[in-house]
Amino acid sequence: MKHKNSLVKLEKIIPNNLLNQIQYIHSSLLSWWILTCGSKPLVFNQQLAMVFSPHQDDETLGCGGMIARKREQGIPVVVTFLTDGRGSHGLDPHIQLQSYYLPH
């Protein structure tokens, strides 16, 4: 919402055709940077990674790419869940405390 208000203010100050040109230049520069500088492979250090996740699947949404890349390179990753999901499922007797270790 804050950005939309800023854009509305800019549209009142700067003519629309000039704003379009600025946006075109910005997107061209961004595309150029991504294609020439920004799309180099990430280099990870070889140290073990420990991920703390509030709930199951948050580790996947938050840093699943990093986990996958480290595992592809044979780097150990430990995921620690801070809750077991009981709060979102009431008193489900089938939920048990579990630990998972992702082997090399």
PDB file of N, CA and C in Angstrom:
ATOM      1  N   MET A   1       0.824  -1.190   0.000  1.00  0.00           N
ATOM      2  CA  MET A   1       0.000   0.000   0.000  1.00  0.00           C
ATOM      3  C   MET A   1       0.867   1.252   0.000  1.00  0.00           C
ATOM      4  N   LYS A   2       1.976   1.197   0.747  1.00  0.00           N
ATOM      5  CA  LYS A   2       2.872   2.330   0.826  1.00  0.00           C
ATOM      6  C   LYS A   2       3.464   2.654  -0.546  1.00  0.00           C
ATOM      7  N   HIS A   3       3.839   1.587  -1.296  1.00  0.00           N
ATOM      8  CA  HIS A   3       4.429   1.785  -2.620  1.00  0.00           C
ATOM      9  C   HIS A   3       3.409   2.369  -3.588  1.00  0.00           C
ATOM     10  N   LYS A   4       2.175   1.934  -3.476  1.00  0.00           N
ATOM     11  CA  LYS A   4       1.136   2.441  -4.374  1.00  0.00           C
ATOM     12  C   LYS A   4       0.931   3.940  -4.149  1.00  0.00           C
ATOM     13  N   ASN A   5       0.920   4.359  -2.887  1.00  0.00           N
ATOM     14  CA  ASN A   5       0.770   5.782  -2.580  1.00  0.00           C
ATOM     15  C   ASN A   5       1.949   6.577  -3.129  1.00  0.00           C
ATOM     16  N   SER A   6       3.145   6.013  -3.036  1.00  0.00           N
ATOM     17  CA  SER A   6       4.327   6.695  -3.573  1.00  0.00           C
ATOM     18  C   SER A   6       4.225   6.852  -5.080  1.00  0.00           C
ATOM     19  N   LEU A   7       3.752   5.804  -5.760  1.00  0.00           N
ATOM     20  CA  LEU A   7       3.597   5.884  -7.208  1.00  0.00           C
ATOM     21  C   LEU A   7       2.555   6.917  -7.609  1.00  0.00           C
ATOM     22  N   VAL A   8       1.482   6.994  -6.850  1.00  0.00           N
ATOM     23  CA  VAL A   8       0.440   7.974  -7.147  1.00  0.00           C
ATOM     24  C   VAL A   8       1.013   9.386  -7.001  1.00  0.00           C
ATOM     25  N   LYS A   9       1.817   9.615  -5.968  1.00  0.00           N
ATOM     26  CA  LYS A   9       2.453  10.928  -5.781  1.00  0.00           C
ATOM     27  C   LYS A   9       3.405  11.235  -6.931  1.00  0.00           C
ATOM     28  N   LEU A  10       4.174  10.242  -7.358  1.00  0.00           N
ATOM     29  CA  LEU A  10       5.102  10.448  -8.472  1.00  0.00           C
ATOM     30  C   LEU A  10       4.359  10.788  -9.756  1.00  0.00           C
ATOM     31  N   GLU A  11       3.242  10.127  -9.985  1.00  0.00           N
ATOM     32  CA  GLU A  11       2.466  10.385 -11.196  1.00  0.00           C
ATOM     33  C   GLU A  11       1.950  11.821 -11.235  1.00  0.00           C
ATOM     34  N   LYS A  12       1.734  12.415 -10.075  1.00  0.00           N
ATOM     35  CA  LYS A  12       1.269  13.805 -10.029  1.00  0.00           C
ATOM     36  C   LYS A  12       2.403  14.777 -10.330  1.00  0.00           C
ATOM     37  N   ILE A  13       3.648  14.382  -9.990  1.00  0.00           N
ATOM     38  CA  ILE A  13       4.801  15.269 -10.166  1.00  0.00           C
ATOM     39  C   ILE A  13       5.451  15.079 -11.534  1.00  0.00           C
ATOM     40  N   ILE A  14       5.629  13.821 -11.936  1.00  0.00           N
ATOM     41  CA  ILE A  14       6.353  13.495 -13.169  1.00  0.00           C
ATOM     42  C   ILE A  14       5.347  13.097 -14.246  1.00  0.00           C
ATOM     43  N   PRO A  15       5.506  13.628 -15.443  1.00  0.00           N
ATOM     44  CA  PRO A  15       4.587  13.259 -16.528  1.00  0.00           C
ATOM     45  C   PRO A  15       4.609  11.751 -16.796  1.00  0.00           C
ATOM     46  N   ASN A  16       3.477  11.234 -17.200  1.00  0.00           N
ATOM     47  CA  ASN A  16       3.297   9.805 -17.403  1.00  0.00           C
ATOM     48  C   ASN A  16       4.289   9.228 -18.417  1.00  0.00           C
ATOM     49  N   ASN A  17       4.526   9.937 -19.527  1.00  0.00           N
ATOM     50  CA  ASN A  17       5.449   9.404 -20.535  1.00  0.00           C
ATOM     51  C   ASN A  17       6.875   9.314 -19.995  1.00  0.00           C
ATOM     52  N   LEU A  18       7.280  10.240 -19.134  1.00  0.00           N
ATOM     53  CA  LEU A  18       8.604  10.183 -18.519  1.00  0.00           C
ATOM     54  C   LEU A  18       8.691   9.022 -17.528  1.00  0.00           C
ATOM     55  N   LEU A  19       7.627   8.795 -16.773  1.00  0.00           N
ATOM     56  CA  LEU A  19       7.593   7.647 -15.854  1.00  0.00           C
ATOM     57  C   LEU A  19       7.726   6.334 -16.620  1.00  0.00           C
ATOM     58  N   ASN A  20       7.044   6.225 -17.766  1.00  0.00           N
ATOM     59  CA  ASN A  20       7.146   5.021 -18.593  1.00  0.00           C
ATOM     60  C   ASN A  20       8.575   4.807 -19.068  1.00  0.00           C
ATOM     61  N   GLN A  21       9.246   5.884 -19.469  1.00  0.00           N
ATOM     62  CA  GLN A  21      10.636   5.768 -19.908  1.00  0.00           C
ATOM     63  C   GLN A  21      11.551   5.332 -18.755  1.00  0.00           C
ATOM     64  N   ILE A  22      11.329   5.880 -17.575  1.00  0.00           N
ATOM     65  CA  ILE A  22      12.125   5.515 -16.401  1.00  0.00           C
ATOM     66  C   ILE A  22      11.924   4.038 -16.070  1.00  0.00           C
ATOM     67  N   GLN A  23      10.673   3.585 -16.121  1.00  0.00           N
ATOM     68  CA  GLN A  23      10.386   2.177 -15.844  1.00  0.00           C
ATOM     69  C   GLN A  23      11.029   1.271 -16.894  1.00  0.00           C
ATOM     70  N   TYR A  24      11.038   1.703 -18.149  1.00  0.00           N
ATOM     71  CA  TYR A  24      11.662   0.919 -19.214  1.00  0.00           C
ATOM     72  C   TYR A  24      13.167   0.813 -18.982  1.00  0.00           C
ATOM     73  N   ILE A  25      13.797   1.927 -18.651  1.00  0.00           N
ATOM     74  CA  ILE A  25      15.240   1.930 -18.384  1.00  0.00           C
ATOM     75  C   ILE A  25      15.549   1.043 -17.182  1.00  0.00           C
ATOM     76  N   HIS A  26      14.741   1.166 -16.141  1.00  0.00           N
ATOM     77  CA  HIS A  26      14.955   0.357 -14.941  1.00  0.00           C
ATOM     78  C   HIS A  26      14.857  -1.132 -15.258  1.00  0.00           C
ATOM     79  N   SER A  27      13.821  -1.539 -15.971  1.00  0.00           N
ATOM     80  CA  SER A  27      13.663  -2.964 -16.288  1.00  0.00           C
ATOM     81  C   SER A  27      14.760  -3.443 -17.238  1.00  0.00           C
ATOM     82  N   SER A  28      15.213  -2.592 -18.149  1.00  0.00           N
ATOM     83  CA  SER A  28      16.305  -2.972 -19.056  1.00  0.00           C
ATOM     84  C   SER A  28      17.600  -3.181 -18.285  1.00  0.00           C
ATOM     85  N   LEU A  29      17.908  -2.259 -17.366  1.00  0.00           N
ATOM     86  CA  LEU A  29      19.122  -2.394 -16.552  1.00  0.00           C
ATOM     87  C   LEU A  29      19.049  -3.634 -15.671  1.00  0.00           C
ATOM     88  N   LEU A  30      17.904  -3.877 -15.082  1.00  0.00           N
ATOM     89  CA  LEU A  30      17.733  -5.045 -14.226  1.00  0.00           C
ATOM     90  C   LEU A  30      17.895  -6.333 -15.029  1.00  0.00           C
ATOM     91  N   SER A  31      17.292  -6.397 -16.198  1.00  0.00           N
ATOM     92  CA  SER A  31      17.423  -7.578 -17.056  1.00  0.00           C
ATOM     93  C   SER A  31      18.878  -7.782 -17.474  1.00  0.00           C
ATOM     94  N   TRP A  32      19.548  -6.689 -17.859  1.00  0.00           N
ATOM     95  CA  TRP A  32      20.955  -6.787 -18.247  1.00  0.00           C
ATOM     96  C   TRP A  32      21.789  -7.324 -17.093  1.00  0.00           C
ATOM     97  N   TRP A  33      21.564  -6.801 -15.883  1.00  0.00           N
ATOM     98  CA  TRP A  33      22.343  -7.232 -14.716  1.00  0.00           C
ATOM     99  C   TRP A  33      22.111  -8.712 -14.428  1.00  0.00           C
ATOM    100  N   ILE A  34      20.865  -9.148 -14.483  1.00  0.00           N
ATOM    101  CA  ILE A  34      20.563 -10.557 -14.208  1.00  0.00           C
ATOM    102  C   ILE A  34      21.241 -11.457 -15.234  1.00  0.00           C
ATOM    103  N   LEU A  35      21.190 -11.072 -16.502  1.00  0.00           N
ATOM    104  CA  LEU A  35      21.759 -11.910 -17.556  1.00  0.00           C
ATOM    105  C   LEU A  35      23.286 -11.908 -17.559  1.00  0.00           C
ATOM    106  N   THR A  36      23.910 -10.812 -17.152  1.00  0.00           N
ATOM    107  CA  THR A  36      25.372 -10.746 -17.229  1.00  0.00           C
ATOM    108  C   THR A  36      26.062 -10.974 -15.888  1.00  0.00           C
ATOM    109  N   CYS A  37      25.503 -10.463 -14.825  1.00  0.00           N
ATOM    110  CA  CYS A  37      26.199 -10.524 -13.529  1.00  0.00           C
ATOM    111  C   CYS A  37      25.488 -11.389 -12.497  1.00  0.00           C
ATOM    112  N   GLY A  38      24.186 -11.355 -12.505  1.00  0.00           N
ATOM    113  CA  GLY A  38      23.426 -11.936 -11.410  1.00  0.00           C
ATOM    114  C   GLY A  38      23.084 -13.401 -11.537  1.00  0.00           C
ATOM    115  N   SER A  39      23.364 -14.027 -12.672  1.00  0.00           N
ATOM    116  CA  SER A  39      22.944 -15.411 -12.812  1.00  0.00           C
ATOM    117  C   SER A  39      24.128 -16.379 -12.730  1.00  0.00           C
ATOM    118  N   LYS A  40      25.096 -16.040 -11.899  1.00  0.00           N
ATOM    119  CA  LYS A  40      26.222 -16.937 -11.674  1.00  0.00           C
ATOM    120  C   LYS A  40      25.840 -17.942 -10.600  1.00  0.00           C
ATOM    121  N   PRO A  41      26.386 -19.161 -10.680  1.00  0.00           N
ATOM    122  CA  PRO A  41      26.036 -20.171  -9.682  1.00  0.00           C
ATOM    123  C   PRO A  41      26.455 -19.743  -8.273  1.00  0.00           C
ATOM    124  N   LEU A  42      25.620 -20.078  -7.312  1.00  0.00           N
ATOM    125  CA  LEU A  42      25.946 -19.795  -5.917  1.00  0.00           C
ATOM    126  C   LEU A  42      27.005 -20.762  -5.431  1.00  0.00           C
ATOM    127  N   VAL A  43      27.923 -20.255  -4.648  1.00  0.00           N
ATOM    128  CA  VAL A  43      28.959 -21.097  -4.077  1.00  0.00           C
ATOM    129  C   VAL A  43      28.692 -21.185  -2.579  1.00  0.00           C
ATOM    130  N   PHE A  44      28.506 -22.403  -2.089  1.00  0.00           N
ATOM    131  CA  PHE A  44      28.266 -22.612  -0.671  1.00  0.00           C
ATOM    132  C   PHE A  44      29.548 -23.067   0.001  1.00  0.00           C
ATOM    133  N   ASN A  45      29.711 -22.677   1.248  1.00  0.00           N
ATOM    134  CA  ASN A  45      30.846 -23.238   1.982  1.00  0.00           C
ATOM    135  C   ASN A  45      30.526 -24.697   2.281  1.00  0.00           C
ATOM    136  N   GLN A  46      31.522 -25.437   2.644  1.00  0.00           N
ATOM    137  CA  GLN A  46      31.364 -26.876   2.824  1.00  0.00           C
ATOM    138  C   GLN A  46      30.970 -27.241   4.259  1.00  0.00           C
ATOM    139  N   GLN A  47      30.590 -26.273   5.061  1.00  0.00           N
ATOM    140  CA  GLN A  47      30.234 -26.550   6.447  1.00  0.00           C
ATOM    141  C   GLN A  47      28.798 -27.067   6.557  1.00  0.00           C
ATOM    142  N   LEU A  48      28.587 -27.858   7.605  1.00  0.00           N
ATOM    143  CA  LEU A  48      27.262 -28.352   7.943  1.00  0.00           C
ATOM    144  C   LEU A  48      26.287 -27.177   8.086  1.00  0.00           C
ATOM    145  N   ALA A  49      25.052 -27.369   7.671  1.00  0.00           N
ATOM    146  CA  ALA A  49      24.024 -26.342   7.852  1.00  0.00           C
ATOM    147  C   ALA A  49      22.992 -26.861   8.837  1.00  0.00           C
ATOM    148  N   MET A  50      22.587 -25.997   9.751  1.00  0.00           N
ATOM    149  CA  MET A  50      21.508 -26.339  10.676  1.00  0.00           C
ATOM    150  C   MET A  50      20.377 -25.345  10.446  1.00  0.00           C
ATOM    151  N   VAL A  51      19.199 -25.865  10.160  1.00  0.00           N
ATOM    152  CA  VAL A  51      18.035 -25.045   9.859  1.00  0.00           C
ATOM    153  C   VAL A  51      17.036 -25.194  11.001  1.00  0.00           C
ATOM    154  N   PHE A  52      16.595 -24.076  11.558  1.00  0.00           N
ATOM    155  CA  PHE A  52      15.564 -24.081  12.591  1.00  0.00           C
ATOM    156  C   PHE A  52      14.250 -23.684  11.936  1.00  0.00           C
ATOM    157  N   SER A  53      13.249 -24.533  12.075  1.00  0.00           N
ATOM    158  CA  SER A  53      11.965 -24.312  11.426  1.00  0.00           C
ATOM    159  C   SER A  53      10.852 -24.285  12.467  1.00  0.00           C
ATOM    160  N   PRO A  54      10.026 -23.241  12.476  1.00  0.00           N
ATOM    161  CA  PRO A  54       8.935 -23.174  13.449  1.00  0.00           C
ATOM    162  C   PRO A  54       7.951 -24.339  13.309  1.00  0.00           C
ATOM    163  N   HIS A  55       7.627 -24.713  12.071  1.00  0.00           N
ATOM    164  CA  HIS A  55       6.668 -25.788  11.803  1.00  0.00           C
ATOM    165  C   HIS A  55       7.188 -26.636  10.650  1.00  0.00           C
ATOM    166  N   GLN A  56       6.662 -27.831  10.522  1.00  0.00           N
ATOM    167  CA  GLN A  56       7.005 -28.679   9.400  1.00  0.00           C
ATOM    168  C   GLN A  56       6.564 -27.984   8.105  1.00  0.00           C
ATOM    169  N   ASP A  57       7.372 -27.991   7.134  1.00  0.00           N
ATOM    170  CA  ASP A  57       7.284 -27.418   5.783  1.00  0.00           C
ATOM    171  C   ASP A  57       7.785 -25.988   5.715  1.00  0.00           C
ATOM    172  N   ASP A  58       7.972 -25.303   6.841  1.00  0.00           N
ATOM    173  CA  ASP A  58       8.522 -23.946   6.805  1.00  0.00           C
ATOM    174  C   ASP A  58       9.971 -23.955   6.318  1.00  0.00           C
ATOM    175  N   GLU A  59      10.700 -25.020   6.627  1.00  0.00           N
ATOM    176  CA  GLU A  59      12.085 -25.111   6.153  1.00  0.00           C
ATOM    177  C   GLU A  59      12.121 -25.213   4.633  1.00  0.00           C
ATOM    178  N   THR A  60      11.123 -25.877   4.051  1.00  0.00           N
ATOM    179  CA  THR A  60      11.069 -26.016   2.599  1.00  0.00           C
ATOM    180  C   THR A  60      10.733 -24.675   1.954  1.00  0.00           C
ATOM    181  N   LEU A  61       9.745 -23.990   2.514  1.00  0.00           N
ATOM    182  CA  LEU A  61       9.346 -22.699   1.964  1.00  0.00           C
ATOM    183  C   LEU A  61      10.428 -21.646   2.177  1.00  0.00           C
ATOM    184  N   GLY A  62      11.092 -21.684   3.328  1.00  0.00           N
ATOM    185  CA  GLY A  62      12.068 -20.649   3.659  1.00  0.00           C
ATOM    186  C   GLY A  62      13.427 -20.843   3.021  1.00  0.00           C
ATOM    187  N   CYS A  63      13.930 -22.063   3.012  1.00  0.00           N
ATOM    188  CA  CYS A  63      15.287 -22.265   2.481  1.00  0.00           C
ATOM    189  C   CYS A  63      15.448 -23.634   1.830  1.00  0.00           C
ATOM    190  N   GLY A  64      14.398 -24.104   1.189  1.00  0.00           N
ATOM    191  CA  GLY A  64      14.447 -25.396   0.521  1.00  0.00           C
ATOM    192  C   GLY A  64      15.488 -25.460  -0.581  1.00  0.00           C
ATOM    193  N   GLY A  65      15.687 -24.359  -1.293  1.00  0.00           N
ATOM    194  CA  GLY A  65      16.691 -24.325  -2.352  1.00  0.00           C
ATOM    195  C   GLY A  65      18.091 -24.511  -1.801  1.00  0.00           C
ATOM    196  N   MET A  66      18.379 -23.836  -0.691  1.00  0.00           N
ATOM    197  CA  MET A  66      19.695 -23.973  -0.065  1.00  0.00           C
ATOM    198  C   MET A  66      19.896 -25.390   0.451  1.00  0.00           C
ATOM    199  N   ILE A  67      18.868 -25.961   1.048  1.00  0.00           N
ATOM    200  CA  ILE A  67      18.958 -27.335   1.551  1.00  0.00           C
ATOM    201  C   ILE A  67      19.248 -28.287   0.384  1.00  0.00           C
ATOM    202  N   ALA A  68      18.514 -28.141  -0.712  1.00  0.00           N
ATOM    203  CA  ALA A  68      18.698 -29.025  -1.865  1.00  0.00           C
ATOM    204  C   ALA A  68      20.092 -28.883  -2.465  1.00  0.00           C
ATOM    205  N   ARG A  69      20.568 -27.645  -2.617  1.00  0.00           N
ATOM    206  CA  ARG A  69      21.898 -27.427  -3.199  1.00  0.00           C
ATOM    207  C   ARG A  69      22.989 -28.015  -2.324  1.00  0.00           C
ATOM    208  N   LYS A  70      22.902 -27.804  -1.005  1.00  0.00           N
ATOM    209  CA  LYS A  70      23.914 -28.366  -0.103  1.00  0.00           C
ATOM    210  C   LYS A  70      23.886 -29.892  -0.149  1.00  0.00           C
ATOM    211  N   ARG A  71      22.691 -30.476  -0.174  1.00  0.00           N
ATOM    212  CA  ARG A  71      22.588 -31.943  -0.220  1.00  0.00           C
ATOM    213  C   ARG A  71      23.141 -32.485  -1.538  1.00  0.00           C
ATOM    214  N   GLU A  72      22.918 -31.776  -2.661  1.00  0.00           N
ATOM    215  CA  GLU A  72      23.477 -32.188  -3.951  1.00  0.00           C
ATOM    216  C   GLU A  72      24.997 -32.227  -3.893  1.00  0.00           C
ATOM    217  N   GLN A  73      25.592 -31.331  -3.112  1.00  0.00           N
ATOM    218  CA  GLN A  73      27.046 -31.257  -2.984  1.00  0.00           C
ATOM    219  C   GLN A  73      27.575 -32.153  -1.870  1.00  0.00           C
ATOM    220  N   GLY A  74      26.685 -32.934  -1.256  1.00  0.00           N
ATOM    221  CA  GLY A  74      27.098 -33.856  -0.205  1.00  0.00           C
ATOM    222  C   GLY A  74      27.365 -33.189   1.134  1.00  0.00           C
ATOM    223  N   ILE A  75      26.870 -31.990   1.319  1.00  0.00           N
ATOM    224  CA  ILE A  75      27.072 -31.261   2.568  1.00  0.00           C
ATOM    225  C   ILE A  75      25.940 -31.619   3.522  1.00  0.00           C
ATOM    226  N   PRO A  76      26.246 -32.017   4.758  1.00  0.00           N
ATOM    227  CA  PRO A  76      25.200 -32.394   5.709  1.00  0.00           C
ATOM    228  C   PRO A  76      24.294 -31.207   6.072  1.00  0.00           C
ATOM    229  N   VAL A  77      23.010 -31.493   6.212  1.00  0.00           N
ATOM    230  CA  VAL A  77      22.020 -30.494   6.631  1.00  0.00           C
ATOM    231  C   VAL A  77      21.191 -31.103   7.751  1.00  0.00           C
ATOM    232  N   VAL A  78      21.050 -30.379   8.847  1.00  0.00           N
ATOM    233  CA  VAL A  78      20.214 -30.819   9.959  1.00  0.00           C
ATOM    234  C   VAL A  78      19.043 -29.851  10.058  1.00  0.00           C
ATOM    235  N   VAL A  79      17.829 -30.384  10.109  1.00  0.00           N
ATOM    236  CA  VAL A  79      16.629 -29.561  10.246  1.00  0.00           C
ATOM    237  C   VAL A  79      16.060 -29.800  11.633  1.00  0.00           C
ATOM    238  N   THR A  80      15.823 -28.716  12.366  1.00  0.00           N
ATOM    239  CA  THR A  80      15.258 -28.792  13.710  1.00  0.00           C
ATOM    240  C   THR A  80      13.899 -28.110  13.700  1.00  0.00           C
ATOM    241  N   PHE A  81      12.853 -28.873  14.013  1.00  0.00           N
ATOM    242  CA  PHE A  81      11.507 -28.314  14.088  1.00  0.00           C
ATOM    243  C   PHE A  81      11.269 -27.852  15.518  1.00  0.00           C
ATOM    244  N   LEU A  82      10.809 -26.628  15.666  1.00  0.00           N
ATOM    245  CA  LEU A  82      10.605 -26.062  16.989  1.00  0.00           C
ATOM    246  C   LEU A  82       9.265 -26.455  17.600  1.00  0.00           C
ATOM    247  N   THR A  83       8.326 -26.872  16.765  1.00  0.00           N
ATOM    248  CA  THR A  83       7.043 -27.398  17.262  1.00  0.00           C
ATOM    249  C   THR A  83       6.737 -28.674  16.498  1.00  0.00           C
ATOM    250  N   ASP A  84       5.836 -29.463  17.029  1.00  0.00           N
ATOM    251  CA  ASP A  84       5.499 -30.723  16.360  1.00  0.00           C
ATOM    252  C   ASP A  84       4.151 -30.681  15.652  1.00  0.00           C
ATOM    253  N   GLY A  85       3.521 -29.525  15.584  1.00  0.00           N
ATOM    254  CA  GLY A  85       2.268 -29.406  14.860  1.00  0.00           C
ATOM    255  C   GLY A  85       1.028 -29.681  15.687  1.00  0.00           C
ATOM    256  N   ARG A  86       1.195 -30.033  16.936  1.00  0.00           N
ATOM    257  CA  ARG A  86       0.018 -30.369  17.754  1.00  0.00           C
ATOM    258  C   ARG A  86      -0.933 -29.193  17.909  1.00  0.00           C
ATOM    259  N   GLY A  87      -0.391 -27.995  17.990  1.00  0.00           N
ATOM    260  CA  GLY A  87      -1.241 -26.815  18.187  1.00  0.00           C
ATOM    261  C   GLY A  87      -2.204 -26.577  17.048  1.00  0.00           C
ATOM    262  N   SER A  88      -1.828 -26.977  15.839  1.00  0.00           N
ATOM    263  CA  SER A  88      -2.716 -26.744  14.700  1.00  0.00           C
ATOM    264  C   SER A  88      -3.674 -27.910  14.461  1.00  0.00           C
ATOM    265  N   HIS A  89      -3.474 -29.032  15.168  1.00  0.00           N
ATOM    266  CA  HIS A  89      -4.332 -30.200  14.967  1.00  0.00           C
ATOM    267  C   HIS A  89      -5.085 -30.593  16.234  1.00  0.00           C
ATOM    268  N   GLY A  90      -5.145 -29.727  17.180  1.00  0.00           N
ATOM    269  CA  GLY A  90      -5.840 -30.058  18.424  1.00  0.00           C
ATOM    270  C   GLY A  90      -5.105 -31.135  19.196  1.00  0.00           C
ATOM    271  N   LEU A  91      -5.807 -32.028  19.781  1.00  0.00           N
ATOM    272  CA  LEU A  91      -5.200 -33.088  20.587  1.00  0.00           C
ATOM    273  C   LEU A  91      -5.200 -34.407  19.827  1.00  0.00           C
ATOM    274  N   ASP A  92      -4.619 -34.411  18.649  1.00  0.00           N
ATOM    275  CA  ASP A  92      -4.557 -35.610  17.827  1.00  0.00           C
ATOM    276  C   ASP A  92      -3.581 -36.607  18.459  1.00  0.00           C
ATOM    277  N   PRO A  93      -4.072 -37.779  18.879  1.00  0.00           N
ATOM    278  CA  PRO A  93      -3.195 -38.744  19.561  1.00  0.00           C
ATOM    279  C   PRO A  93      -2.187 -39.405  18.616  1.00  0.00           C
ATOM    280  N   HIS A  94      -2.350 -39.252  17.298  1.00  0.00           N
ATOM    281  CA  HIS A  94      -1.455 -39.898  16.345  1.00  0.00           C
ATOM    282  C   HIS A  94      -0.175 -39.101  16.095  1.00  0.00           C
ATOM    283  N   ILE A  95      -0.132 -37.843  16.541  1.00  0.00           N
ATOM    284  CA  ILE A  95       1.071 -37.037  16.368  1.00  0.00           C
ATOM    285  C   ILE A  95       2.068 -37.431  17.445  1.00  0.00           C
ATOM    286  N   GLN A  96       3.264 -37.791  17.025  1.00  0.00           N
ATOM    287  CA  GLN A  96       4.301 -38.210  17.966  1.00  0.00           C
ATOM    288  C   GLN A  96       5.506 -37.298  17.825  1.00  0.00           C
ATOM    289  N   LEU A  97       6.309 -37.247  18.878  1.00  0.00           N
ATOM    290  CA  LEU A  97       7.571 -36.520  18.801  1.00  0.00           C
ATOM    291  C   LEU A  97       8.522 -37.332  17.930  1.00  0.00           C
ATOM    292  N   GLN A  98       9.086 -36.697  16.916  1.00  0.00           N
ATOM    293  CA  GLN A  98       9.962 -37.407  15.994  1.00  0.00           C
ATOM    294  C   GLN A  98      11.177 -36.545  15.690  1.00  0.00           C
ATOM    295  N   SER A  99      12.284 -37.176  15.421  1.00  0.00           N
ATOM    296  CA  SER A  99      13.495 -36.506  14.971  1.00  0.00           C
ATOM    297  C   SER A  99      13.872 -37.087  13.628  1.00  0.00           C
ATOM    298  N   TYR A 100      14.394 -36.247  12.765  1.00  0.00           N
ATOM    299  CA  TYR A 100      14.833 -36.680  11.442  1.00  0.00           C
ATOM    300  C   TYR A 100      16.262 -36.270  11.222  1.00  0.00           C
ATOM    301  N   TYR A 101      17.052 -37.160  10.671  1.00  0.00           N
ATOM    302  CA  TYR A 101      18.416 -36.856  10.308  1.00  0.00           C
ATOM    303  C   TYR A 101      18.568 -37.165   8.832  1.00  0.00           C
ATOM    304  N   LEU A 102      19.077 -36.207   8.077  1.00  0.00           N
ATOM    305  CA  LEU A 102      19.277 -36.403   6.647  1.00  0.00           C
ATOM    306  C   LEU A 102      20.700 -36.899   6.450  1.00  0.00           C
ATOM    307  N   PRO A 103      20.896 -38.191   6.148  1.00  0.00           N
ATOM    308  CA  PRO A 103      22.258 -38.724   6.009  1.00  0.00           C
ATOM    309  C   PRO A 103      22.966 -38.160   4.784  1.00  0.00           C
ATOM    310  N   HIS A 104      24.280 -38.334   4.751  1.00  0.00           N
ATOM    311  CA  HIS A 104      25.094 -37.845   3.621  1.00  0.00           C
ATOM    312  C   HIS A 104      24.652 -38.477   2.328  1.00  0.00           C
TER     313      HIS A 104
END
